[in-house]
Amino acid sequence: MEHTPTPWKATENILRIYTIHTRDVPSRDNQVACVNQPSDAAFIVQAVNSHEALVSALQLALKHPGFERCTEECPTVKTIYNALKLAGVK
């Protein structure tokens, strides 16, 4: 199953509920989630919208010539693999 397409956006309604959605004009058809705190809405949108770029950057870093000498026990490489694992990358 694929996730809802990005980019995601957040808007506040008159009840101070923050709706996360996929288009400029929110509707039930493009709503992803609702949260009560603006900081939560901003964090979710930022995390989702940057996810693919961050995963690509980490994968590219592992291909860098300087990493050829590193094993999975190298602290930097280990950190990258752990981050990719948290991101759901196998």
Protein backbone atom coordinates (compact mmCIF):
# COMPACT_ATOMS: atom_id res chain seq x y z
CA MET A 1 0.00 0.00 0.00
CA GLU A 2 1.35 3.42 -0.93
CA HIS A 3 1.11 6.44 1.32
CA THR A 4 -0.82 9.56 0.45
CA PRO A 5 1.11 11.58 -2.16
CA THR A 6 3.21 14.52 -1.06
CA PRO A 7 3.50 17.41 -0.56
CA TRP A 8 1.30 17.69 2.51
CA LYS A 9 0.08 21.01 3.89
CA ALA A 10 -1.59 22.11 7.11
CA THR A 11 -4.36 24.63 7.64
CA GLU A 12 -6.23 25.83 10.70
CA ASN A 13 -10.03 25.85 10.78
CA ILE A 14 -12.30 28.12 12.83
CA LEU A 15 -12.28 25.61 15.71
CA ARG A 16 -8.46 25.83 15.90
CA ILE A 17 -8.12 22.29 14.60
CA TYR A 18 -5.20 21.79 12.23
CA THR A 19 -5.99 19.71 9.17
CA ILE A 20 -3.21 18.03 7.25
CA HIS A 21 -4.09 17.59 3.60
CA THR A 22 -2.66 17.14 0.13
CA ARG A 23 -3.99 20.13 -1.80
CA ASP A 24 -4.14 23.89 -1.38
CA VAL A 25 -7.85 23.76 -0.52
CA PRO A 26 -8.57 21.16 2.17
CA SER A 27 -11.53 18.83 1.76
CA ARG A 28 -12.59 15.43 3.07
CA ASP A 29 -11.18 13.89 -0.12
CA ASN A 30 -7.62 15.08 0.53
CA GLN A 31 -7.51 15.13 4.32
CA VAL A 32 -4.78 13.01 5.88
CA ALA A 33 -5.09 13.85 9.59
CA CYS A 34 -6.26 16.38 12.16
CA VAL A 35 -4.29 17.54 15.20
CA ASN A 36 -4.86 20.08 17.96
CA GLN A 37 -1.46 21.71 18.15
CA PRO A 38 0.05 23.87 15.40
CA SER A 39 3.51 22.60 16.29
CA ASP A 40 2.37 19.00 15.74
CA ALA A 41 0.89 19.88 12.36
CA ALA A 42 4.07 21.69 11.31
CA PHE A 43 6.27 18.80 12.50
CA ILE A 44 4.22 16.16 10.67
CA VAL A 45 4.17 18.15 7.42
CA GLN A 46 7.90 18.87 7.60
CA ALA A 47 8.75 15.23 8.37
CA VAL A 48 6.59 13.83 5.59
CA ASN A 49 7.64 16.34 2.97
CA SER A 50 11.37 15.88 3.68
CA HIS A 51 11.34 12.08 4.13
CA GLU A 52 12.14 11.03 0.55
CA ALA A 53 14.92 13.60 0.14
CA LEU A 54 16.55 12.61 3.43
CA VAL A 55 16.43 8.89 2.58
CA SER A 56 17.96 9.60 -0.84
CA ALA A 57 20.72 11.70 0.72
CA LEU A 58 21.61 8.93 3.19
CA GLN A 59 21.65 6.30 0.46
CA LEU A 60 23.88 8.54 -1.66
CA ALA A 61 26.23 9.09 1.28
CA LEU A 62 26.72 5.32 1.59
CA LYS A 63 27.88 5.25 -2.05
CA HIS A 64 30.49 7.97 -1.46
CA PRO A 65 34.04 6.75 -2.19
CA GLY A 66 35.14 7.63 1.35
CA PHE A 67 32.79 5.03 2.79
CA GLU A 68 34.38 2.13 0.90
CA ARG A 69 36.78 1.51 3.80
CA CYS A 70 34.04 1.63 6.42
CA THR A 71 32.21 -1.40 7.68
CA GLU A 72 28.76 -1.44 9.26
CA GLU A 73 30.54 -1.01 12.60
CA CYS A 74 31.93 2.39 11.60
CA PRO A 75 29.97 4.91 13.76
CA THR A 76 28.91 7.08 10.82
CA VAL A 77 27.83 4.16 8.65
CA LYS A 78 26.07 2.55 11.60
CA THR A 79 24.17 5.81 12.22
CA ILE A 80 23.12 5.98 8.56
CA TYR A 81 21.93 2.36 8.54
CA ASN A 82 19.99 2.92 11.78
CA ALA A 83 18.33 6.05 10.34
CA LEU A 84 17.38 4.20 7.15
CA LYS A 85 15.96 1.38 9.23
CA LEU A 86 13.84 3.86 11.22
CA ALA A 87 12.64 5.29 7.90
CA GLY A 88 11.47 1.83 6.84
CA VAL A 89 14.17 1.32 4.20
CA LYS A 90 15.44 -2.25 3.86
